[in-house]
Amino acid sequence: MSLKECEELRLKNCLCKAYANLDIRNGGNGCLLWFADLVDLVVLQMGGQDLYIRVAALVLGMNIRCQNDYNNEDKKEDMELPIFDLTIISNATDNFASNNKLGEGRFGSVYKGGGGQEIAVKRLSKNSEQGLNEFRNEVIIISKLQHHNLVKLLDCCIQKNEKLLIYEYMHNKSLGLIYFLFDQTKSKLLDWCMCHNIIGGIVRGLLYLHEDSRLRIIHRDLKVSNILLNNNMNPKISDFGLAIAFGGDQIKANANRIVGTYGYMPPEYAKYGHFLVKTYVFSFGVLVLEIVSGKKNKEFCNFGQCLNLLGYAWRLWIEDRPTELIDEFLISGDSCILSEVLRCIHVGLLCVQQRPEDRPNISSVVLMLSSGNSLPNPGQPGFYTEKAPLAEHYSSRKLEASSTNEITFTLLEAR
C-alpha cells in the first residue's frame, strides 16, 4: 500500500489519530495507523520518516504562501507563515462581535473565540503601526519559544487585509496585569503573595529569553500591558512584535530605529539606539517598581520635587523611607512580608540605574530575588530629574535659583 492509499484509508475512519509508512525502505510501503495514544514510536539513528497526526483545526493551521491583499512591497517578500482560514476565526468570534471583545490597544483589538477551544484573537487594526514585518516577526519568534511564563501563540491568519494572531486564552480577560494594577477597585484583589509570584514569573520568563532559549531574545516592549495572567494569576509575557533575536554569543547591537514605549525604554537605547542583552533589565526594574507602588512610571509626578516614579523611589530609598513607596493595599494585607517587598524595591532600583554596566544581568536578578544575600546600593536611576517647583523658580527671577541637581533631557516620542 502506498502512502497516498494509507491517507485515503485514514480519511475513511474518523477514529484514526495518525498514520505513517509501515516500511520506509525502498521508497516506503505499507500502512501503519494509530487509533489510541501514539505508542510504538522509535527514534531512528539514521534518518527518519514522516508521521501524519490528526489535530484540531484551531491548533494545526496550514502552511501556505501570503498571496493576499498586500501592497507591492510586501508582495516582494517571499515568505511562509503558519496560517488558517479566516472563516474559522470569524465563526469562533461570532464575526468579531462586540460582546466578545476583551480589550483594545494601540495595535488593534483582542477578541475571545470559542468553538471547542477557547482562544484569544488579536486583530490588528487596518491603520495599525504594527505592519507585516512586525506581524511576521512575532509569529517567527514566539512560535519557537516554549515556556510557561510566555504566552503561547497557537496560529495566525493573513487573509483579505486581515492580520490575526491566535493565542491561548487567559481567563482574566486576556488583559492581565494592567487590568488589575492601576484600577483603584480591582487593585484590591492583588495581595502581596500574588504580586510576588507575578514578579518571580516575569523574571523567569526573561531568564529563558535572555539566556536559556536557543536564541537570545530581547523583547524591547516589556511593560504592564504586555503581562497577561492565567487562571492562577501566573504571569505570561506577550506581544513579541518588536522583539529581536541575538545570535550565538552576541551581547550588543544598534537599532536602526527606536521602538518601544516611553517610560520603559532604557536611556541609552532611547537616546542612541544602543543596547546590550542586559539593557532591558531596565524595563523589568520599572515593572517591579510599578507593581510595588501601584503607580505608572509614565504618569507619576511628585509635585513637591518634580520626580518621576523612578526618581521618587530612589529619593525615598536614599532617605531611608522606602516603605512610603509601597501601595497601601499591599502593605496592609495579611500576606505582606515587608522584607520581601523592600528587597523587590532594592532590586528594581538596581535594574533601572543610569549606566547599563551598573545594572545586574537577568540571572543575577533571579538570585537577588530568591536569596537573602546583601545587595549593593543602587545608584541614580535613568531619566532621573529633580527641579525646583515652577512658582519658586519664577519668583526668584534668577537662573541660580534652580536646583544644582537639575538635569535636562529631550523627551523622545516613541510609539
Protein backbone atom coordinates (compact mmCIF):
# COMPACT_ATOMS: atom_id res chain seq x y z
CA MET A 1 0.00 0.00 0.00
CA SER A 2 1.34 3.46 -0.90
CA LEU A 3 1.36 6.46 1.45
CA LYS A 4 -1.45 8.02 -0.62
CA GLU A 5 -3.59 4.92 -0.20
CA CYS A 6 -2.77 4.97 3.52
CA GLU A 7 -4.08 8.55 3.71
CA GLU A 8 -7.31 7.60 1.96
CA LEU A 9 -7.80 4.73 4.40
CA ARG A 10 -7.27 7.08 7.33
CA LEU A 11 -9.86 9.55 5.97
CA LYS A 12 -12.48 6.80 5.93
CA ASN A 13 -12.10 6.26 9.69
CA CYS A 14 -12.67 9.33 11.91
CA LEU A 15 -11.14 7.50 14.90
CA CYS A 16 -7.73 7.31 13.25
CA LYS A 17 -5.30 9.61 15.06
CA ALA A 18 -2.16 9.21 12.94
CA TYR A 19 -0.66 7.31 10.04
CA ALA A 20 2.75 6.60 8.51
CA ASN A 21 4.53 4.19 6.17
CA LEU A 22 4.97 0.78 7.73
CA ASP A 23 8.29 0.23 6.00
CA ILE A 24 10.36 3.21 4.78
CA ARG A 25 12.91 1.08 2.92
CA ASN A 26 12.89 1.17 -0.89
CA GLY A 27 10.75 4.27 -1.09
CA GLY A 28 8.22 3.29 1.57
CA ASN A 29 5.29 0.88 1.55
CA GLY A 30 2.61 -0.49 3.82
CA CYS A 31 0.32 1.45 6.15
CA LEU A 32 0.57 1.97 9.90
CA LEU A 33 -2.43 3.52 11.69
CA TRP A 34 -2.89 4.74 15.27
CA PHE A 35 -6.33 4.72 16.91
CA ALA A 36 -5.37 5.49 20.51
CA ASP A 37 -2.33 7.03 22.19
CA LEU A 38 0.74 7.32 19.98
CA VAL A 39 2.85 4.41 21.19
CA ASP A 40 5.45 2.22 19.50
CA LEU A 41 7.36 5.27 18.27
CA VAL A 42 11.08 4.72 17.69
CA VAL A 43 13.93 7.23 17.39
CA LEU A 44 15.94 6.24 14.31
CA GLN A 45 19.69 6.71 14.47
CA MET A 46 19.98 7.19 10.71
CA GLY A 47 17.41 9.44 9.12
CA GLY A 48 13.70 9.30 9.92
CA GLN A 49 10.23 9.31 8.39
CA ASP A 50 7.14 11.47 8.31
CA LEU A 51 4.34 10.90 10.81
CA TYR A 52 0.94 12.40 9.96
CA ILE A 53 -1.11 13.34 13.04
CA ARG A 54 -4.74 14.46 13.24
CA VAL A 55 -5.21 17.58 15.42
CA ALA A 56 -7.93 20.19 15.85
CA ALA A 57 -8.18 22.82 13.11
CA LEU A 58 -7.65 25.65 15.59
CA VAL A 59 -4.33 24.11 16.64
CA LEU A 60 -2.99 22.85 13.34
CA GLY A 61 -3.38 25.59 10.76
CA MET A 62 -1.83 25.28 7.31
CA ASN A 63 1.43 26.34 5.68
CA ILE A 64 0.59 28.50 2.67
CA ARG A 65 2.17 31.47 0.95
CA CYS A 66 0.95 35.02 1.55
CA GLN A 67 -0.80 35.88 -1.71
CA ASN A 68 -3.49 38.18 -0.40
CA ASP A 69 -4.22 41.88 -0.36
CA TYR A 70 -0.85 43.47 0.44
CA ASN A 71 0.95 46.33 -1.25
CA ASN A 72 3.60 45.70 -3.90
CA GLU A 73 6.47 46.00 -1.44
CA ASP A 74 5.00 43.37 0.84
CA LYS A 75 4.32 41.05 -2.10
CA LYS A 76 8.03 41.03 -2.84
CA GLU A 77 8.53 39.22 0.43
CA ASP A 78 8.60 35.53 -0.44
CA MET A 79 7.74 34.17 2.97
CA GLU A 80 5.71 31.41 4.51
CA LEU A 81 3.70 31.63 7.72
CA PRO A 82 1.54 29.15 9.58
CA ILE A 83 -1.98 30.22 8.76
CA PHE A 84 -5.57 29.03 8.86
CA ASP A 85 -8.75 30.17 7.26
CA LEU A 86 -10.37 33.47 8.19
CA THR A 87 -13.79 31.83 8.18
CA ILE A 88 -12.82 29.60 11.12
CA ILE A 89 -11.76 32.59 13.22
CA SER A 90 -14.76 34.66 12.21
CA ASN A 91 -17.10 31.86 13.30
CA ALA A 92 -15.19 31.34 16.55
CA THR A 93 -15.51 35.03 17.48
CA ASP A 94 -19.10 35.39 16.17
CA ASN A 95 -17.77 37.67 13.41
CA PHE A 96 -15.75 39.71 15.93
CA ALA A 97 -18.83 40.61 17.94
CA SER A 98 -18.51 43.47 20.41
CA ASN A 99 -19.59 41.25 23.30
CA ASN A 100 -16.57 39.04 22.58
CA LYS A 101 -14.13 41.94 22.67
CA LEU A 102 -11.68 41.55 25.55
CA GLY A 103 -9.85 44.81 25.10
CA GLU A 104 -8.43 47.35 22.70
CA GLY A 105 -4.92 48.71 22.36
CA ARG A 106 -2.67 50.72 20.10
CA PHE A 107 -2.36 47.95 17.50
CA GLY A 108 -5.94 46.71 17.46
CA SER A 109 -8.46 44.69 19.45
CA VAL A 110 -8.45 41.33 21.22
CA TYR A 111 -11.47 39.01 20.99
CA LYS A 112 -12.47 35.83 22.73
CA GLY A 113 -13.12 32.87 20.44
CA GLY A 114 -14.85 29.58 21.15
CA GLY A 115 -15.91 26.53 19.21
CA GLY A 116 -14.35 23.65 21.10
CA GLN A 117 -11.26 25.51 22.25
CA GLU A 118 -11.16 28.92 23.89
CA ILE A 119 -8.74 31.28 22.15
CA ALA A 120 -7.78 34.95 22.22
CA VAL A 121 -7.65 36.58 18.79
CA LYS A 122 -5.55 39.71 18.35
CA ARG A 123 -6.99 41.57 15.35
CA LEU A 124 -4.59 44.19 14.08
CA SER A 125 -6.19 47.45 13.06
CA LYS A 126 -6.06 48.36 9.37
CA ASN A 127 -4.24 51.54 10.42
CA SER A 128 -2.03 49.79 12.94
CA GLU A 129 1.58 50.88 13.27
CA GLN A 130 2.41 47.18 13.54
CA GLY A 131 2.86 46.20 9.92
CA LEU A 132 3.54 42.94 8.16
CA ASN A 133 7.19 42.87 9.26
CA GLU A 134 6.27 43.14 12.96
CA PHE A 135 3.47 40.63 12.48
CA ARG A 136 5.83 38.15 10.82
CA ASN A 137 8.49 38.83 13.46
CA GLU A 138 6.11 37.92 16.27
CA VAL A 139 5.00 34.71 14.56
CA ILE A 140 8.53 33.56 13.76
CA ILE A 141 10.00 34.35 17.19
CA ILE A 142 7.29 33.27 19.60
CA SER A 143 6.42 30.11 17.67
CA LYS A 144 9.91 28.85 18.51
CA LEU A 145 9.63 29.64 22.23
CA GLN A 146 8.19 27.29 24.84
CA HIS A 147 8.00 28.45 28.45
CA HIS A 148 5.15 28.58 30.95
CA ASN A 149 5.79 32.30 31.55
CA LEU A 150 5.48 33.19 27.87
CA VAL A 151 2.11 33.41 26.15
CA LYS A 152 1.55 30.57 23.70
CA LEU A 153 0.88 31.51 20.08
CA LEU A 154 -1.39 28.90 18.52
CA ASP A 155 -1.53 30.18 14.97
CA CYS A 156 -2.13 33.18 12.74
CA CYS A 157 -4.18 34.30 9.77
CA ILE A 158 -3.42 36.70 6.94
CA GLN A 159 -6.38 36.99 4.57
CA LYS A 160 -8.41 39.78 2.96
CA ASN A 161 -6.33 42.55 4.55
CA GLU A 162 -6.78 40.92 7.97
CA LYS A 163 -3.76 40.19 10.17
CA LEU A 164 -4.75 37.99 13.11
CA LEU A 165 -2.74 36.34 15.86
CA ILE A 166 -4.35 33.47 17.78
CA TYR A 167 -3.17 32.92 21.36
CA GLU A 168 -4.07 30.67 24.23
CA TYR A 169 -6.97 32.20 26.14
CA MET A 170 -6.36 33.81 29.53
CA HIS A 171 -9.45 33.75 31.69
CA ASN A 172 -8.51 37.00 33.40
CA LYS A 173 -9.92 38.87 30.38
CA SER A 174 -6.69 38.39 28.42
CA LEU A 175 -5.78 41.89 29.59
CA GLY A 176 -3.76 40.69 32.51
CA LEU A 177 -1.81 42.76 34.94
CA ILE A 178 -2.85 46.20 33.69
CA TYR A 179 -6.49 45.21 34.24
CA PHE A 180 -5.79 44.92 37.98
CA LEU A 181 -2.80 47.06 38.86
CA PHE A 182 -3.83 50.63 38.12
CA ASP A 183 -7.53 50.39 38.96
CA GLN A 184 -8.36 51.55 42.48
CA THR A 185 -11.07 48.92 42.88
CA LYS A 186 -9.54 45.93 41.09
CA SER A 187 -6.08 46.51 42.58
CA LYS A 188 -7.53 45.46 45.94
CA LEU A 189 -7.80 41.94 44.51
CA LEU A 190 -3.99 41.76 44.34
CA ASP A 191 -2.30 40.85 47.59
CA TRP A 192 1.46 40.71 48.11
CA CYS A 193 1.62 36.95 47.62
CA MET A 194 0.14 37.38 44.12
CA CYS A 195 2.40 40.33 43.29
CA HIS A 196 5.50 38.48 44.47
CA ASN A 197 4.51 35.49 42.33
CA ILE A 198 3.95 37.78 39.32
CA ILE A 199 7.37 39.40 39.71
CA GLY A 200 9.00 35.97 40.02
CA GLY A 201 7.20 34.64 36.95
CA ILE A 202 8.20 37.63 34.81
CA VAL A 203 11.87 37.29 35.73
CA ARG A 204 11.81 33.55 34.99
CA GLY A 205 10.34 34.25 31.57
CA LEU A 206 13.06 36.85 30.91
CA LEU A 207 15.76 34.43 32.06
CA TYR A 208 14.55 31.96 29.45
CA LEU A 209 14.52 34.64 26.74
CA HIS A 210 17.92 36.12 27.60
CA GLU A 211 19.90 33.01 28.46
CA ASP A 212 18.10 29.67 28.19
CA SER A 213 16.38 29.70 24.77
CA ARG A 214 18.16 28.72 21.56
CA LEU A 215 18.49 32.40 20.63
CA ARG A 216 18.89 35.36 22.93
CA ILE A 217 15.59 37.20 22.63
CA ILE A 218 15.23 40.86 23.63
CA HIS A 219 11.57 41.78 23.97
CA ARG A 220 12.01 45.58 23.56
CA ASP A 221 8.45 46.37 24.70
CA LEU A 222 8.21 44.85 28.17
CA LYS A 223 5.50 46.71 30.07
CA VAL A 224 2.49 46.11 32.30
CA SER A 225 0.03 45.81 29.41
CA ASN A 226 2.14 43.02 27.90
CA ILE A 227 1.93 40.84 31.03
CA LEU A 228 -1.07 38.51 30.88
CA LEU A 229 -2.39 36.42 33.78
CA ASN A 230 -3.86 32.93 33.68
CA ASN A 231 -6.47 31.38 35.99
CA ASN A 232 -3.94 31.04 38.80
CA MET A 233 -2.67 34.62 38.34
CA ASN A 234 0.59 33.32 36.91
CA PRO A 235 2.13 35.85 34.51
CA LYS A 236 2.88 35.31 30.82
CA ILE A 237 4.90 37.74 28.73
CA SER A 238 3.14 38.60 25.46
CA ASP A 239 3.44 40.73 22.30
CA PHE A 240 6.74 39.91 20.60
CA GLY A 241 6.19 42.11 17.54
CA LEU A 242 9.17 44.32 18.40
CA ALA A 243 11.40 41.53 19.75
CA ILE A 244 14.87 41.00 18.33
CA ALA A 245 16.92 37.80 18.33
CA PHE A 246 20.65 37.75 19.11
CA GLY A 247 22.70 35.02 17.51
CA GLY A 248 25.32 32.88 19.26
CA ASP A 249 27.39 34.81 21.78
CA GLN A 250 26.24 38.23 20.55
CA ILE A 251 25.67 40.57 23.52
CA LYS A 252 25.15 44.02 21.97
CA ALA A 253 23.57 45.68 18.94
CA ASN A 254 22.50 49.01 17.45
CA ALA A 255 18.91 49.67 16.43
CA ASN A 256 18.04 51.20 13.06
CA ARG A 257 15.03 52.85 14.64
CA ILE A 258 13.89 53.47 18.19
CA VAL A 259 10.82 51.41 19.07
CA GLY A 260 9.09 50.67 22.33
CA THR A 261 7.09 52.51 24.94
CA TYR A 262 8.32 55.64 26.67
CA GLY A 263 8.67 55.11 30.40
CA TYR A 264 10.07 51.60 29.95
CA MET A 265 12.84 52.23 27.43
CA PRO A 266 16.40 52.31 28.83
CA PRO A 267 18.06 55.73 28.43
CA GLU A 268 20.97 54.54 26.27
CA TYR A 269 18.51 52.95 23.87
CA ALA A 270 16.05 55.85 23.84
CA LYS A 271 18.83 58.36 23.11
CA TYR A 272 21.24 56.45 20.88
CA GLY A 273 19.66 53.13 19.89
CA HIS A 274 22.42 51.17 21.66
CA PHE A 275 21.56 48.14 23.71
CA LEU A 276 23.16 45.13 25.36
CA VAL A 277 21.45 41.90 26.27
CA LYS A 278 21.11 43.19 29.83
CA THR A 279 19.97 46.66 28.71
CA TYR A 280 16.35 45.58 29.00
CA VAL A 281 16.73 44.64 32.64
CA PHE A 282 15.82 48.33 32.93
CA SER A 283 12.26 47.62 31.75
CA PHE A 284 11.90 44.85 34.32
CA GLY A 285 13.02 47.26 37.05
CA VAL A 286 10.32 49.74 36.00
CA LEU A 287 7.74 46.95 36.11
CA VAL A 288 8.78 45.93 39.63
CA LEU A 289 8.50 49.49 40.96
CA GLU A 290 5.09 49.89 39.30
CA ILE A 291 3.82 46.63 40.82
CA VAL A 292 5.01 47.55 44.30
CA SER A 293 3.70 51.12 44.18
CA GLY A 294 0.56 50.61 42.09
CA LYS A 295 1.53 53.71 40.08
CA LYS A 296 2.50 54.26 36.44
CA ASN A 297 6.03 55.49 35.85
CA LYS A 298 4.98 57.46 32.76
CA GLU A 299 2.20 59.37 34.52
CA PHE A 300 3.62 59.68 38.02
CA CYS A 301 4.79 63.08 39.19
CA ASN A 302 5.82 64.07 42.69
CA PHE A 303 4.89 67.73 42.60
CA GLY A 304 7.00 68.63 45.59
CA GLN A 305 10.25 67.69 43.83
CA CYS A 306 9.08 67.09 40.22
CA LEU A 307 10.29 63.49 40.26
CA ASN A 308 9.07 60.63 38.12
CA LEU A 309 8.35 57.27 39.79
CA LEU A 310 11.95 56.07 39.41
CA GLY A 311 13.39 59.26 40.89
CA TYR A 312 10.81 59.26 43.67
CA ALA A 313 11.59 55.63 44.58
CA TRP A 314 15.33 56.34 44.62
CA ARG A 315 14.89 59.51 46.72
CA LEU A 316 12.82 57.58 49.27
CA TRP A 317 15.48 54.85 49.31
CA ILE A 318 18.45 57.13 50.00
CA GLU A 319 16.41 58.96 52.63
CA ASP A 320 15.63 55.61 54.31
CA ARG A 321 11.88 55.94 53.67
CA PRO A 322 11.24 53.13 51.12
CA THR A 323 8.04 51.92 52.79
CA GLU A 324 6.34 55.13 51.62
CA LEU A 325 6.54 53.80 48.06
CA ILE A 326 4.53 50.65 48.79
CA ASP A 327 0.87 50.58 47.77
CA GLU A 328 -1.25 50.93 50.90
CA PHE A 329 -3.35 47.87 50.00
CA LEU A 330 -0.23 45.70 49.74
CA ILE A 331 1.39 46.82 52.95
CA SER A 332 -1.83 46.47 54.93
CA GLY A 333 -2.61 42.95 53.67
CA ASP A 334 -2.14 39.77 55.69
CA SER A 335 0.18 38.24 53.08
CA CYS A 336 2.60 41.18 53.08
CA ILE A 337 6.15 40.26 54.09
CA LEU A 338 7.87 43.61 54.40
CA SER A 339 11.37 42.24 53.90
CA GLU A 340 10.31 40.74 50.53
CA VAL A 341 8.71 43.98 49.40
CA LEU A 342 11.78 46.02 50.35
CA ARG A 343 14.05 43.56 48.59
CA CYS A 344 11.97 43.88 45.41
CA ILE A 345 12.26 47.68 45.62
CA HIS A 346 16.01 47.33 46.10
CA VAL A 347 16.35 45.00 43.08
CA GLY A 348 14.08 47.23 41.00
CA LEU A 349 16.30 50.25 41.70
CA LEU A 350 19.43 48.27 40.79
CA CYS A 351 17.80 47.38 37.46
CA VAL A 352 16.95 50.99 36.50
CA GLN A 353 20.35 52.55 37.17
CA GLN A 354 21.52 55.11 34.63
CA ARG A 355 24.55 53.17 33.37
CA PRO A 356 23.83 49.75 31.81
CA GLU A 357 27.11 48.35 33.12
CA ASP A 358 25.90 49.04 36.66
CA ARG A 359 22.73 47.02 36.21
CA PRO A 360 22.64 43.29 37.02
CA ASN A 361 22.01 40.76 34.28
CA ILE A 362 18.82 38.74 34.45
CA SER A 363 20.42 35.65 36.03
CA SER A 364 21.80 37.86 38.83
CA VAL A 365 18.32 39.34 39.31
CA VAL A 366 16.90 35.82 39.80
CA LEU A 367 19.49 35.13 42.50
CA MET A 368 18.92 38.50 44.17
CA LEU A 369 15.18 37.90 44.43
CA SER A 370 15.49 34.33 45.68
CA SER A 371 18.30 34.71 48.23
CA GLY A 372 18.90 36.73 51.35
CA ASN A 373 22.41 37.86 50.42
CA SER A 374 23.33 41.51 50.83
CA LEU A 375 22.87 43.72 47.77
CA PRO A 376 24.90 46.71 46.52
CA ASN A 377 23.50 50.19 46.95
CA PRO A 378 21.61 51.41 43.89
CA GLY A 379 22.88 54.44 42.00
CA GLN A 380 20.89 57.22 40.38
CA PRO A 381 18.21 55.85 38.02
CA GLY A 382 17.96 56.62 34.33
CA PHE A 383 15.80 59.61 33.37
CA TYR A 384 16.07 60.89 36.94
CA THR A 385 15.16 64.58 37.20
CA GLU A 386 14.80 66.99 40.04
CA LYS A 387 13.68 70.59 39.53
CA ALA A 388 12.53 73.36 41.82
CA PRO A 389 8.76 73.96 41.72
CA LEU A 390 7.74 76.41 38.99
CA ALA A 391 6.37 79.01 41.41
CA GLU A 392 9.63 79.11 43.36
CA HIS A 393 11.66 79.18 40.17
CA TYR A 394 9.87 82.17 38.70
CA SER A 395 9.60 84.11 41.97
CA SER A 396 13.38 84.11 42.29
CA ARG A 397 13.77 85.57 38.75
CA LYS A 398 17.28 84.09 38.76
CA LEU A 399 18.66 81.11 36.98
CA GLU A 400 20.77 80.30 40.01
CA ALA A 401 17.62 79.57 41.99
CA SER A 402 17.16 76.24 40.26
CA SER A 403 18.47 73.11 41.94
CA THR A 404 22.12 72.26 41.41
CA ASN A 405 20.93 68.71 40.77
CA GLU A 406 18.88 69.76 37.75
CA ILE A 407 19.32 67.55 34.71
CA THR A 408 17.67 68.25 31.36
CA PHE A 409 16.94 65.76 28.61
CA THR A 410 14.91 65.52 25.44
CA LEU A 411 11.69 63.52 25.58
CA LEU A 412 11.56 61.13 22.63
CA GLU A 413 8.15 60.43 21.17
CA ALA A 414 8.13 56.64 20.99
CA ARG A 415 5.14 54.72 19.76
